[in-house]
């Protein structure tokens, strides 16, 4: 997966989370994610990226999943991780 991301000049979700942690970013907006995720909730399952609890906490508390047609003002970034989690719970799993 990391090789494919590098070939396409992208990052994996795990790489993006680690970079955000390293740079002490307040928020991480995830866009353009792979179709390999069968459910939206799978995007933020940090067990697939790391066993470090900081990764889990950052994915849960600071990451924004940017679904198609999402529009927000920068002042709304404070609440968007919670909105993203709520939206993912509403989306059905693909069968």
Protein backbone atom coordinates (compact mmCIF):
# COMPACT_ATOMS: atom_id res chain seq x y z
CA UNK A 1 0.00 0.00 0.00
CA UNK A 2 2.81 2.44 0.82
CA UNK A 3 4.54 1.70 -2.50
CA UNK A 4 1.33 2.42 -4.39
CA UNK A 5 0.83 5.67 -2.49
CA UNK A 6 4.40 6.75 -3.24
CA UNK A 7 4.00 5.95 -6.95
CA UNK A 8 0.90 8.14 -7.06
CA UNK A 9 2.54 10.90 -5.00
CA UNK A 10 0.02 10.36 -2.19
CA UNK A 11 0.30 9.34 1.46
CA UNK A 12 -1.40 6.51 3.24
CA UNK A 13 -3.76 7.49 6.05
CA UNK A 14 -1.20 6.15 8.52
CA UNK A 15 1.59 8.24 7.00
CA UNK A 16 -0.63 11.32 7.10
CA UNK A 17 -1.48 10.77 10.77
CA UNK A 18 2.18 10.22 11.69
CA UNK A 19 3.17 13.39 9.78
CA UNK A 20 0.46 15.39 11.53
CA UNK A 21 1.62 14.13 14.93
CA UNK A 22 5.25 14.87 14.13
CA UNK A 23 4.42 18.42 13.00
CA UNK A 24 2.09 18.92 15.99
CA UNK A 25 -0.79 19.81 13.68
CA UNK A 26 -4.03 20.83 15.33
CA UNK A 27 -6.21 19.15 12.67
CA UNK A 28 -5.71 16.73 9.79
CA UNK A 29 -8.15 16.84 6.87
CA UNK A 30 -8.15 13.52 5.02
CA UNK A 31 -9.24 13.66 1.41
CA UNK A 32 -9.11 11.45 -1.65
CA UNK A 33 -8.98 8.13 0.18
CA UNK A 34 -8.70 4.74 -1.44
CA UNK A 35 -11.68 2.72 -2.59
CA UNK A 36 -10.19 -0.22 -0.71
CA UNK A 37 -11.93 1.03 2.42
CA UNK A 38 -15.20 -0.88 2.46
CA UNK A 39 -16.73 1.32 5.16
CA UNK A 40 -16.08 4.95 5.94
CA UNK A 41 -15.32 3.99 9.56
CA UNK A 42 -12.39 1.82 8.36
CA UNK A 43 -10.46 4.95 7.37
CA UNK A 44 -9.78 5.83 11.00
CA UNK A 45 -9.06 2.39 12.42
CA UNK A 46 -5.56 3.13 13.71
CA UNK A 47 -4.79 -0.51 14.50
CA UNK A 48 -3.90 -0.84 10.83
CA UNK A 49 -1.35 1.99 11.13
CA UNK A 50 0.26 1.70 14.55
CA UNK A 51 0.00 0.35 18.06
CA UNK A 52 0.92 3.76 19.46
CA UNK A 53 -2.04 5.13 21.48
CA UNK A 54 -1.16 8.67 20.32
CA UNK A 55 -2.09 7.58 16.77
CA UNK A 56 -5.47 6.29 17.94
CA UNK A 57 -6.17 9.47 19.93
CA UNK A 58 -5.14 11.73 17.06
CA UNK A 59 -7.19 9.79 14.51
CA UNK A 60 -10.25 9.95 16.77
CA UNK A 61 -9.91 13.49 18.13
CA UNK A 62 -8.15 15.55 15.45
CA UNK A 63 -8.84 14.02 12.03
CA UNK A 64 -11.49 15.29 9.66
CA UNK A 65 -12.83 12.94 7.01
CA UNK A 66 -13.64 15.12 4.01
CA UNK A 67 -16.49 13.44 2.18
CA UNK A 68 -17.42 14.53 -1.34
CA UNK A 69 -19.05 17.97 -1.45
CA UNK A 70 -18.07 18.80 2.14
CA UNK A 71 -17.97 22.53 2.68
CA UNK A 72 -16.87 24.16 5.88
CA UNK A 73 -15.44 27.40 7.12
CA UNK A 74 -12.09 27.27 8.88
CA UNK A 75 -13.81 28.42 12.06
CA UNK A 76 -15.70 25.11 12.04
CA UNK A 77 -12.55 22.96 12.19
CA UNK A 78 -12.79 22.73 15.96
CA UNK A 79 -15.95 20.60 15.71
CA UNK A 80 -15.33 18.72 12.47
CA UNK A 81 -13.64 15.59 13.93
CA UNK A 82 -16.80 14.93 15.95
CA UNK A 83 -18.98 15.62 12.91
CA UNK A 84 -16.85 13.20 10.85
CA UNK A 85 -17.26 10.43 13.44
CA UNK A 86 -21.01 11.01 13.56
CA UNK A 87 -21.30 10.96 9.75
CA UNK A 88 -19.32 7.71 9.53
CA UNK A 89 -21.69 6.05 11.99
CA UNK A 90 -24.63 7.02 9.79
CA UNK A 91 -23.15 5.64 6.59
CA UNK A 92 -24.02 1.99 6.01
CA UNK A 93 -21.31 -0.59 5.46
CA UNK A 94 -20.97 -1.74 1.87
CA UNK A 95 -21.99 -5.32 1.29
